[in-house]
C-alpha atoms as a PDB file:
ATOM      1  CA  MET A   1     309.392 108.417  85.465  1.00  0.00           C
ATOM      2  CA  ASN A   2     309.816 110.566  82.369  1.00  0.00           C
ATOM      3  CA  PRO A   3     311.136 114.010  83.576  1.00  0.00           C
ATOM      4  CA  VAL A   4     308.717 115.972  81.396  1.00  0.00           C
ATOM      5  CA  ALA A   5     305.924 114.530  83.115  1.00  0.00           C
ATOM      6  CA  LEU A   6     307.501 115.633  86.430  1.00  0.00           C
ATOM      7  CA  MET A   7     307.860 119.340  85.367  1.00  0.00           C
ATOM      8  CA  THR A   8     304.396 119.297  83.291  1.00  0.00           C
ATOM      9  CA  GLY A   9     303.064 118.134  87.204  1.00  0.00           C
ATOM     10  CA  ALA A  10     304.838 120.836  88.877  1.00  0.00           C
ATOM     11  CA  ALA A  11     303.737 123.584  86.503  1.00  0.00           C
ATOM     12  CA  ALA A  12     299.985 122.261  86.815  1.00  0.00           C
ATOM     13  CA  THR A  13     300.723 122.245  90.848  1.00  0.00           C
ATOM     14  CA  GLU A  14     302.084 126.382  90.326  1.00  0.00           C
ATOM     15  CA  SER A  15     299.375 127.310  88.085  1.00  0.00           C
ATOM     16  CA  ALA A  16     296.537 125.991  90.741  1.00  0.00           C
ATOM     17  CA  GLY A  17     298.310 127.596  93.795  1.00  0.00           C
ATOM     18  CA  VAL A  18     298.513 130.917  91.523  1.00  0.00           C
ATOM     19  CA  LEU A  19     294.841 130.437  90.428  1.00  0.00           C
ATOM     20  CA  SER A  20     293.960 129.834  94.415  1.00  0.00           C
ATOM     21  CA  ILE A  21     295.468 133.338  95.302  1.00  0.00           C
ATOM     22  CA  LEU A  22     293.569 135.173  92.536  1.00  0.00           C
ATOM     23  CA  ILE A  23     290.376 133.337  93.588  1.00  0.00           C
ATOM     24  CA  SER A  24     291.085 134.549  97.638  1.00  0.00           C
ATOM     25  CA  MET A  25     291.552 137.980  96.493  1.00  0.00           C
ATOM     26  CA  ALA A  26     288.465 138.465  94.137  1.00  0.00           C
ATOM     27  CA  PRO A  27     286.231 139.177  97.202  1.00  0.00           C
ATOM     28  CA  LEU A  28     288.930 142.103  98.272  1.00  0.00           C
ATOM     29  CA  VAL A  29     288.883 143.491  94.772  1.00  0.00           C
ATOM     30  CA  LEU A  30     285.137 143.467  94.450  1.00  0.00           C
ATOM     31  CA  VAL A  31     284.651 145.496  97.740  1.00  0.00           C
ATOM     32  CA  ILE A  32     287.061 147.914  96.598  1.00  0.00           C
ATOM     33  CA  VAL A  33     285.473 148.052  93.270  1.00  0.00           C
ATOM     34  CA  LEU A  34     281.907 148.996  95.107  1.00  0.00           C
ATOM     35  CA  MET A  35     283.220 151.243  97.772  1.00  0.00           C
ATOM     36  CA  TYR A  36     284.621 153.454  94.462  1.00  0.00           C
ATOM     37  CA  PHE A  37     281.387 153.567  92.944  1.00  0.00           C
ATOM     38  CA  ILE A  38     279.096 153.598  96.508  1.00  0.00           C
ATOM     39  CA  LEU A  39     281.206 156.133  97.634  1.00  0.00           C
ATOM     40  CA  ILE A  40     283.979 157.897  95.908  1.00  0.00           C
ATOM     41  CA  ARG A  41     282.260 158.629  92.455  1.00  0.00           C
ATOM     42  CA  PRO A  42     279.275 160.221  93.625  1.00  0.00           C
ATOM     43  CA  GLN A  43     280.995 162.505  96.357  1.00  0.00           C
ATOM     44  CA  LYS A  44     283.373 163.668  93.531  1.00  0.00           C
ATOM     45  CA  LYS A  45     280.368 164.257  91.727  1.00  0.00           C
ATOM     46  CA  LYS A  46     278.640 166.431  94.112  1.00  0.00           C
ATOM     47  CA  GLU A  47     282.154 168.429  94.505  1.00  0.00           C
ATOM     48  CA  LYS A  48     282.039 169.153  91.073  1.00  0.00           C
ATOM     49  CA  GLU A  49     278.703 170.617  90.922  1.00  0.00           C
ATOM     50  CA  VAL A  50     279.534 172.618  94.305  1.00  0.00           C
ATOM     51  CA  ALA A  51     282.673 173.871  92.485  1.00  0.00           C
ATOM     52  CA  LYS A  52     280.445 174.949  89.160  1.00  0.00           C
ATOM     53  CA  MET A  53     277.912 176.544  91.158  1.00  0.00           C
ATOM     54  CA  ARG A  54     280.443 178.736  93.317  1.00  0.00           C
ATOM     55  CA  ASN A  55     281.681 179.879  89.953  1.00  0.00           C
ATOM     56  CA  ASN A  56     278.274 180.682  88.582  1.00  0.00           C
ATOM     57  CA  LEU A  57     277.222 183.289  91.306  1.00  0.00           C
ATOM     58  CA  GLN A  58     276.075 186.677  90.267  1.00  0.00           C
ATOM     59  CA  VAL A  59     275.326 189.835  92.128  1.00  0.00           C
ATOM     60  CA  GLY A  60     272.075 189.538  93.615  1.00  0.00           C
ATOM     61  CA  ASP A  61     271.871 185.656  94.213  1.00  0.00           C
ATOM     62  CA  GLU A  62     270.721 184.823  97.704  1.00  0.00           C
ATOM     63  CA  ILE A  63     273.146 182.475  99.086  1.00  0.00           C
ATOM     64  CA  VAL A  64     273.807 180.639 102.191  1.00  0.00           C
ATOM     65  CA  THR A  65     277.037 180.390 104.014  1.00  0.00           C
ATOM     66  CA  ALA A  66     278.774 177.106 105.451  1.00  0.00           C
ATOM     67  CA  GLY A  67     278.130 179.126 108.992  1.00  0.00           C
ATOM     68  CA  GLY A  68     274.739 179.268 108.341  1.00  0.00           C
ATOM     69  CA  ILE A  69     274.490 182.949 107.216  1.00  0.00           C
ATOM     70  CA  VAL A  70     272.153 184.077 104.698  1.00  0.00           C
ATOM     71  CA  GLY A  71     272.754 187.329 102.755  1.00  0.00           C
ATOM     72  CA  ARG A  72     272.361 188.384  99.367  1.00  0.00           C
ATOM     73  CA  VAL A  73     275.518 188.864  96.669  1.00  0.00           C
ATOM     74  CA  VAL A  74     276.664 192.417  96.684  1.00  0.00           C
ATOM     75  CA  SER A  75     280.138 191.883  94.706  1.00  0.00           C
ATOM     76  CA  LEU A  76     282.372 189.484  93.289  1.00  0.00           C
ATOM     77  CA  ARG A  77     286.045 189.065  93.547  1.00  0.00           C
ATOM     78  CA  GLU A  78     288.308 186.177  92.302  1.00  0.00           C
ATOM     79  CA  ASP A  79     287.863 184.329  95.664  1.00  0.00           C
ATOM     80  CA  THR A  80     286.068 186.538  97.746  1.00  0.00           C
ATOM     81  CA  LEU A  81     282.503 187.559  97.885  1.00  0.00           C
ATOM     82  CA  LEU A  82     280.723 190.717  99.676  1.00  0.00           C
ATOM     83  CA  ILE A  83     277.277 189.898 100.878  1.00  0.00           C
ATOM     84  CA  GLU A  84     274.480 191.904 102.479  1.00  0.00           C
ATOM     85  CA  THR A  85     272.849 190.309 105.444  1.00  0.00           C
ATOM     86  CA  GLY A  86     269.727 191.731 107.473  1.00  0.00           C
ATOM     87  CA  SER A  87     267.229 194.489 107.340  1.00  0.00           C
ATOM     88  CA  ASN A  88     269.742 196.978 108.086  1.00  0.00           C
ATOM     89  CA  ASN A  89     272.460 196.233 105.312  1.00  0.00           C
ATOM     90  CA  THR A  90     275.122 194.911 106.746  1.00  0.00           C
ATOM     91  CA  LYS A  91     278.237 194.229 104.795  1.00  0.00           C
ATOM     92  CA  ILE A  92     280.263 190.894 105.356  1.00  0.00           C
ATOM     93  CA  ARG A  93     283.323 189.592 103.137  1.00  0.00           C
ATOM     94  CA  ILE A  94     283.592 185.932 102.970  1.00  0.00           C
ATOM     95  CA  LYS A  95     285.667 183.740 101.010  1.00  0.00           C
ATOM     96  CA  ARG A  96     284.211 182.031  97.942  1.00  0.00           C
ATOM     97  CA  TRP A  97     284.731 178.807  99.447  1.00  0.00           C
ATOM     98  CA  ALA A  98     282.427 179.010 102.318  1.00  0.00           C
ATOM     99  CA  VAL A  99     278.975 179.361 100.054  1.00  0.00           C
ATOM    100  CA  SER A 100     277.061 176.187 100.951  1.00  0.00           C
ATOM    101  CA  SER A 101     274.153 176.937  98.566  1.00  0.00           C
ATOM    102  CA  CYS A 102     272.668 179.430  96.392  1.00  0.00           C
ATOM    103  CA  GLU A 103     268.843 180.126  96.836  1.00  0.00           C
ATOM    104  CA  THR A 104     268.364 181.661  93.574  1.00  0.00           C
ATOM    105  CA  ILE A 105     267.140 180.093  90.432  1.00  0.00           C
ATOM    106  CA  HIS A 106     268.994 180.919  87.257  1.00  0.00           C
ATOM    107  CA  ASP A 107     267.560 179.873  84.081  1.00  0.00           C
ATOM    108  CA  ASP A 108     270.368 178.277  81.955  1.00  0.00           C
ATOM    109  CA  VAL A 109     269.645 178.691  78.192  1.00  0.00           C
END
């Protein structure tokens, strides 16, 4: 038999093996891509929106903390806020990361 024909047959068998491995890995790759677009990407988008909200806080904003405390921002510092809660004007200093939502609507023009 021709040695060149044997080499070509061996190369074809090897390339078929590589192709079958790639085809068997395709569902795993597809699942990873779907997980990125369904879980990871929306979470990162939400984290960016929350960080933007925390950075855009202003004095007088009504906020809710992660612990459920509702108050109005009295003063702002780099990483802390002083909020006023209740009718007796109790003031609490909290970290900026503890703000979970801002109830005040700003008209960004």
